[in-house]
Amino acid sequence: MSSTLQPLPPIDVRLRLSALWATTMIIVAFVDIFGLYRADLREQIEAGRVFVFEVGQPFMLGIVLYVTVPTLMIVASVFLPWRANRLLNVIVAALFAITIVGAAIGEWGYYLVASGVEVGLLATIVVLATRWRLTLRSSNQSQRTPATR
């Protein structure tokens, strides 16, 4: 057996962005689930208020819309055209990071740690999308048939 190490081929920026979004949203989901172990949050929910918001249809719709946009970025990062992809990744990641920082004010340690990781992932998305340059395939590569790629 040969034990020579070969470098891994570079991972496409679209896949990197998608993986970063997926990781961010998994952490968001777990932090929200873990919050249900907190007696103070359960009391607020049972009383029909979370922070200053009344728990009802508008609140629930708002929460769904809030998490749907960054969750859709998982698939959008793979399928959107380059220019729209870059722009949307920068805008959504920056706005989502601002809301995460705002929500973390006065929170418990577990929430602060998770928020720090989320903001780090979102900052990586912004940097990666900002530095992403479109590279043209060589004419030789584009002439290959699908079976030989």
C-alpha atoms as a PDB file:
ATOM      1  CA  MET A   1       0.000   0.000   0.000  1.00  0.00           C
ATOM      2  CA  SER A   2       1.205   3.444  -0.828  1.00  0.00           C
ATOM      3  CA  SER A   3       1.028   5.983   1.936  1.00  0.00           C
ATOM      4  CA  THR A   4       1.748   9.076  -0.120  1.00  0.00           C
ATOM      5  CA  LEU A   5      -0.465  11.976   0.798  1.00  0.00           C
ATOM      6  CA  GLN A   6      -2.020  13.972  -1.962  1.00  0.00           C
ATOM      7  CA  PRO A   7      -3.516  17.400  -1.383  1.00  0.00           C
ATOM      8  CA  LEU A   8      -7.277  17.571  -1.433  1.00  0.00           C
ATOM      9  CA  PRO A   9      -8.789  19.388  -4.388  1.00  0.00           C
ATOM     10  CA  PRO A  10     -10.096  22.864  -3.515  1.00  0.00           C
ATOM     11  CA  ILE A  11     -13.689  23.023  -2.336  1.00  0.00           C
ATOM     12  CA  ASP A  12     -15.942  25.260  -4.408  1.00  0.00           C
ATOM     13  CA  VAL A  13     -16.868  28.548  -2.745  1.00  0.00           C
ATOM     14  CA  ARG A  14     -20.572  27.735  -3.162  1.00  0.00           C
ATOM     15  CA  LEU A  15     -20.188  24.574  -1.098  1.00  0.00           C
ATOM     16  CA  ARG A  16     -18.140  26.368   1.554  1.00  0.00           C
ATOM     17  CA  LEU A  17     -20.797  29.059   1.886  1.00  0.00           C
ATOM     18  CA  SER A  18     -23.565  26.470   2.068  1.00  0.00           C
ATOM     19  CA  ALA A  19     -21.707  24.516   4.761  1.00  0.00           C
ATOM     20  CA  LEU A  20     -21.163  27.679   6.800  1.00  0.00           C
ATOM     21  CA  TRP A  21     -24.874  28.547   6.597  1.00  0.00           C
ATOM     22  CA  ALA A  22     -25.881  24.993   7.547  1.00  0.00           C
ATOM     23  CA  THR A  23     -23.564  25.020  10.558  1.00  0.00           C
ATOM     24  CA  THR A  24     -24.835  28.428  11.658  1.00  0.00           C
ATOM     25  CA  MET A  25     -28.461  27.354  11.458  1.00  0.00           C
ATOM     26  CA  ILE A  26     -27.825  24.096  13.335  1.00  0.00           C
ATOM     27  CA  ILE A  27     -26.307  26.093  16.194  1.00  0.00           C
ATOM     28  CA  VAL A  28     -29.242  28.538  16.114  1.00  0.00           C
ATOM     29  CA  ALA A  29     -31.690  25.625  16.350  1.00  0.00           C
ATOM     30  CA  PHE A  30     -29.863  23.936  19.218  1.00  0.00           C
ATOM     31  CA  VAL A  31     -29.570  27.158  21.218  1.00  0.00           C
ATOM     32  CA  ASP A  32     -33.323  27.675  20.866  1.00  0.00           C
ATOM     33  CA  ILE A  33     -34.004  24.084  21.889  1.00  0.00           C
ATOM     34  CA  PHE A  34     -31.638  24.331  24.874  1.00  0.00           C
ATOM     35  CA  GLY A  35     -33.422  27.501  25.931  1.00  0.00           C
ATOM     36  CA  LEU A  36     -36.500  25.396  26.665  1.00  0.00           C
ATOM     37  CA  TYR A  37     -34.593  23.919  29.632  1.00  0.00           C
ATOM     38  CA  ARG A  38     -34.568  27.350  31.262  1.00  0.00           C
ATOM     39  CA  ALA A  39     -37.359  27.830  33.780  1.00  0.00           C
ATOM     40  CA  ASP A  40     -37.448  31.597  33.163  1.00  0.00           C
ATOM     41  CA  LEU A  41     -38.059  31.153  29.426  1.00  0.00           C
ATOM     42  CA  ARG A  42     -40.682  28.451  29.987  1.00  0.00           C
ATOM     43  CA  GLU A  43     -42.486  30.772  32.424  1.00  0.00           C
ATOM     44  CA  GLN A  44     -42.488  33.575  29.842  1.00  0.00           C
ATOM     45  CA  ILE A  45     -43.803  31.248  27.142  1.00  0.00           C
ATOM     46  CA  GLU A  46     -46.529  29.916  29.441  1.00  0.00           C
ATOM     47  CA  ALA A  47     -47.479  33.509  30.328  1.00  0.00           C
ATOM     48  CA  GLY A  48     -47.788  34.263  26.598  1.00  0.00           C
ATOM     49  CA  ARG A  49     -44.922  36.758  26.414  1.00  0.00           C
ATOM     50  CA  VAL A  50     -41.299  36.398  25.344  1.00  0.00           C
ATOM     51  CA  PHE A  51     -39.206  39.440  26.226  1.00  0.00           C
ATOM     52  CA  VAL A  52     -41.541  42.254  25.080  1.00  0.00           C
ATOM     53  CA  PHE A  53     -43.398  40.222  22.473  1.00  0.00           C
ATOM     54  CA  GLU A  54     -46.800  38.634  22.886  1.00  0.00           C
ATOM     55  CA  VAL A  55     -46.719  35.012  21.771  1.00  0.00           C
ATOM     56  CA  GLY A  56     -49.363  34.738  19.083  1.00  0.00           C
ATOM     57  CA  GLN A  57     -49.691  34.271  15.355  1.00  0.00           C
ATOM     58  CA  PRO A  58     -47.790  37.461  14.378  1.00  0.00           C
ATOM     59  CA  PHE A  59     -44.902  36.555  16.705  1.00  0.00           C
ATOM     60  CA  MET A  60     -44.723  32.981  15.436  1.00  0.00           C
ATOM     61  CA  LEU A  61     -44.894  34.140  11.803  1.00  0.00           C
ATOM     62  CA  GLY A  62     -42.088  36.613  12.502  1.00  0.00           C
ATOM     63  CA  ILE A  63     -39.911  33.910  14.042  1.00  0.00           C
ATOM     64  CA  VAL A  64     -40.506  31.594  11.085  1.00  0.00           C
ATOM     65  CA  LEU A  65     -39.613  34.354   8.606  1.00  0.00           C
ATOM     66  CA  TYR A  66     -36.555  35.306  10.692  1.00  0.00           C
ATOM     67  CA  VAL A  67     -35.077  31.797  10.506  1.00  0.00           C
ATOM     68  CA  THR A  68     -36.330  30.967   7.012  1.00  0.00           C
ATOM     69  CA  VAL A  69     -34.198  33.591   5.262  1.00  0.00           C
ATOM     70  CA  PRO A  70     -30.801  32.379   6.553  1.00  0.00           C
ATOM     71  CA  THR A  71     -31.923  28.753   6.265  1.00  0.00           C
ATOM     72  CA  LEU A  72     -32.716  29.297   2.578  1.00  0.00           C
ATOM     73  CA  MET A  73     -29.180  30.643   2.176  1.00  0.00           C
ATOM     74  CA  ILE A  74     -27.992  27.022   2.492  1.00  0.00           C
ATOM     75  CA  VAL A  75     -29.534  26.195  -0.871  1.00  0.00           C
ATOM     76  CA  ALA A  76     -29.247  29.698  -2.347  1.00  0.00           C
ATOM     77  CA  SER A  77     -25.465  29.606  -1.901  1.00  0.00           C
ATOM     78  CA  VAL A  78     -25.318  26.589  -4.166  1.00  0.00           C
ATOM     79  CA  PHE A  79     -27.825  27.605  -6.862  1.00  0.00           C
ATOM     80  CA  LEU A  80     -27.801  31.396  -7.215  1.00  0.00           C
ATOM     81  CA  PRO A  81     -25.738  33.017  -9.968  1.00  0.00           C
ATOM     82  CA  TRP A  82     -22.366  34.388  -8.854  1.00  0.00           C
ATOM     83  CA  ARG A  83     -23.212  38.105  -8.591  1.00  0.00           C
ATOM     84  CA  ALA A  84     -26.503  37.633  -6.731  1.00  0.00           C
ATOM     85  CA  ASN A  85     -24.910  34.941  -4.592  1.00  0.00           C
ATOM     86  CA  ARG A  86     -22.083  37.199  -3.422  1.00  0.00           C
ATOM     87  CA  LEU A  87     -24.363  40.132  -2.707  1.00  0.00           C
ATOM     88  CA  LEU A  88     -27.024  38.134  -0.887  1.00  0.00           C
ATOM     89  CA  ASN A  89     -24.479  36.271   1.232  1.00  0.00           C
ATOM     90  CA  VAL A  90     -22.868  39.513   2.381  1.00  0.00           C
ATOM     91  CA  ILE A  91     -26.181  41.267   3.125  1.00  0.00           C
ATOM     92  CA  VAL A  92     -27.984  38.381   4.846  1.00  0.00           C
ATOM     93  CA  ALA A  93     -24.932  37.347   6.897  1.00  0.00           C
ATOM     94  CA  ALA A  94     -24.283  40.915   8.073  1.00  0.00           C
ATOM     95  CA  LEU A  95     -27.917  41.560   9.006  1.00  0.00           C
ATOM     96  CA  PHE A  96     -28.277  38.196  10.732  1.00  0.00           C
ATOM     97  CA  ALA A  97     -25.071  38.831  12.711  1.00  0.00           C
ATOM     98  CA  ILE A  98     -26.436  42.171  13.933  1.00  0.00           C
ATOM     99  CA  THR A  99     -29.628  40.510  15.180  1.00  0.00           C
ATOM    100  CA  ILE A 100     -27.628  37.773  16.911  1.00  0.00           C
ATOM    101  CA  VAL A 101     -25.459  40.318  18.723  1.00  0.00           C
ATOM    102  CA  GLY A 102     -28.573  42.254  19.769  1.00  0.00           C
ATOM    103  CA  ALA A 103     -30.309  39.124  21.051  1.00  0.00           C
ATOM    104  CA  ALA A 104     -27.227  38.097  23.064  1.00  0.00           C
ATOM    105  CA  ILE A 105     -27.233  41.208  25.253  1.00  0.00           C
ATOM    106  CA  GLY A 106     -27.841  40.158  28.861  1.00  0.00           C
ATOM    107  CA  GLU A 107     -28.069  36.445  28.023  1.00  0.00           C
ATOM    108  CA  TRP A 108     -26.631  33.416  29.796  1.00  0.00           C
ATOM    109  CA  GLY A 109     -23.138  32.078  29.093  1.00  0.00           C
ATOM    110  CA  TYR A 110     -24.228  29.208  26.825  1.00  0.00           C
ATOM    111  CA  TYR A 111     -26.102  31.713  24.649  1.00  0.00           C
ATOM    112  CA  LEU A 112     -23.116  34.082  24.506  1.00  0.00           C
ATOM    113  CA  VAL A 113     -20.746  31.290  23.467  1.00  0.00           C
ATOM    114  CA  ALA A 114     -23.116  30.072  20.747  1.00  0.00           C
ATOM    115  CA  SER A 115     -23.707  33.643  19.568  1.00  0.00           C
ATOM    116  CA  GLY A 116     -19.956  34.210  19.343  1.00  0.00           C
ATOM    117  CA  VAL A 117     -19.565  31.092  17.211  1.00  0.00           C
ATOM    118  CA  GLU A 118     -22.505  32.128  15.019  1.00  0.00           C
ATOM    119  CA  VAL A 119     -21.079  35.617  14.503  1.00  0.00           C
ATOM    120  CA  GLY A 120     -17.693  34.086  13.663  1.00  0.00           C
ATOM    121  CA  LEU A 121     -19.289  31.823  11.064  1.00  0.00           C
ATOM    122  CA  LEU A 122     -21.257  34.736   9.619  1.00  0.00           C
ATOM    123  CA  ALA A 123     -18.117  36.887   9.474  1.00  0.00           C
ATOM    124  CA  THR A 124     -16.427  34.061   7.578  1.00  0.00           C
ATOM    125  CA  ILE A 125     -19.343  34.055   5.129  1.00  0.00           C
ATOM    126  CA  VAL A 126     -18.973  37.809   4.575  1.00  0.00           C
ATOM    127  CA  VAL A 127     -15.205  37.550   4.031  1.00  0.00           C
ATOM    128  CA  LEU A 128     -15.482  34.501   1.760  1.00  0.00           C
ATOM    129  CA  ALA A 129     -18.253  36.060  -0.335  1.00  0.00           C
ATOM    130  CA  THR A 130     -16.430  39.388  -0.553  1.00  0.00           C
ATOM    131  CA  ARG A 131     -13.186  37.762  -1.731  1.00  0.00           C
ATOM    132  CA  TRP A 132     -14.947  35.386  -4.117  1.00  0.00           C
ATOM    133  CA  ARG A 133     -13.845  36.028  -7.670  1.00  0.00           C
ATOM    134  CA  LEU A 134     -15.387  34.326 -10.666  1.00  0.00           C
ATOM    135  CA  THR A 135     -12.842  32.245 -12.530  1.00  0.00           C
ATOM    136  CA  LEU A 136     -13.350  31.319 -16.139  1.00  0.00           C
ATOM    137  CA  ARG A 137     -12.868  27.732 -17.203  1.00  0.00           C
ATOM    138  CA  SER A 138     -10.242  27.140 -19.817  1.00  0.00           C
ATOM    139  CA  SER A 139     -11.578  26.315 -23.268  1.00  0.00           C
ATOM    140  CA  ASN A 140      -9.945  22.880 -23.020  1.00  0.00           C
ATOM    141  CA  GLN A 141     -11.845  22.073 -19.813  1.00  0.00           C
ATOM    142  CA  SER A 142     -15.197  23.248 -21.166  1.00  0.00           C
ATOM    143  CA  GLN A 143     -14.876  20.983 -24.197  1.00  0.00           C
ATOM    144  CA  ARG A 144     -14.699  17.806 -22.128  1.00  0.00           C
ATOM    145  CA  THR A 145     -17.658  15.502 -22.211  1.00  0.00           C
ATOM    146  CA  PRO A 146     -19.481  14.728 -18.956  1.00  0.00           C
ATOM    147  CA  ALA A 147     -18.058  11.197 -18.969  1.00  0.00           C
ATOM    148  CA  THR A 148     -14.445  12.452 -18.921  1.00  0.00           C
ATOM    149  CA  ARG A 149     -14.753  15.136 -16.283  1.00  0.00           C
END
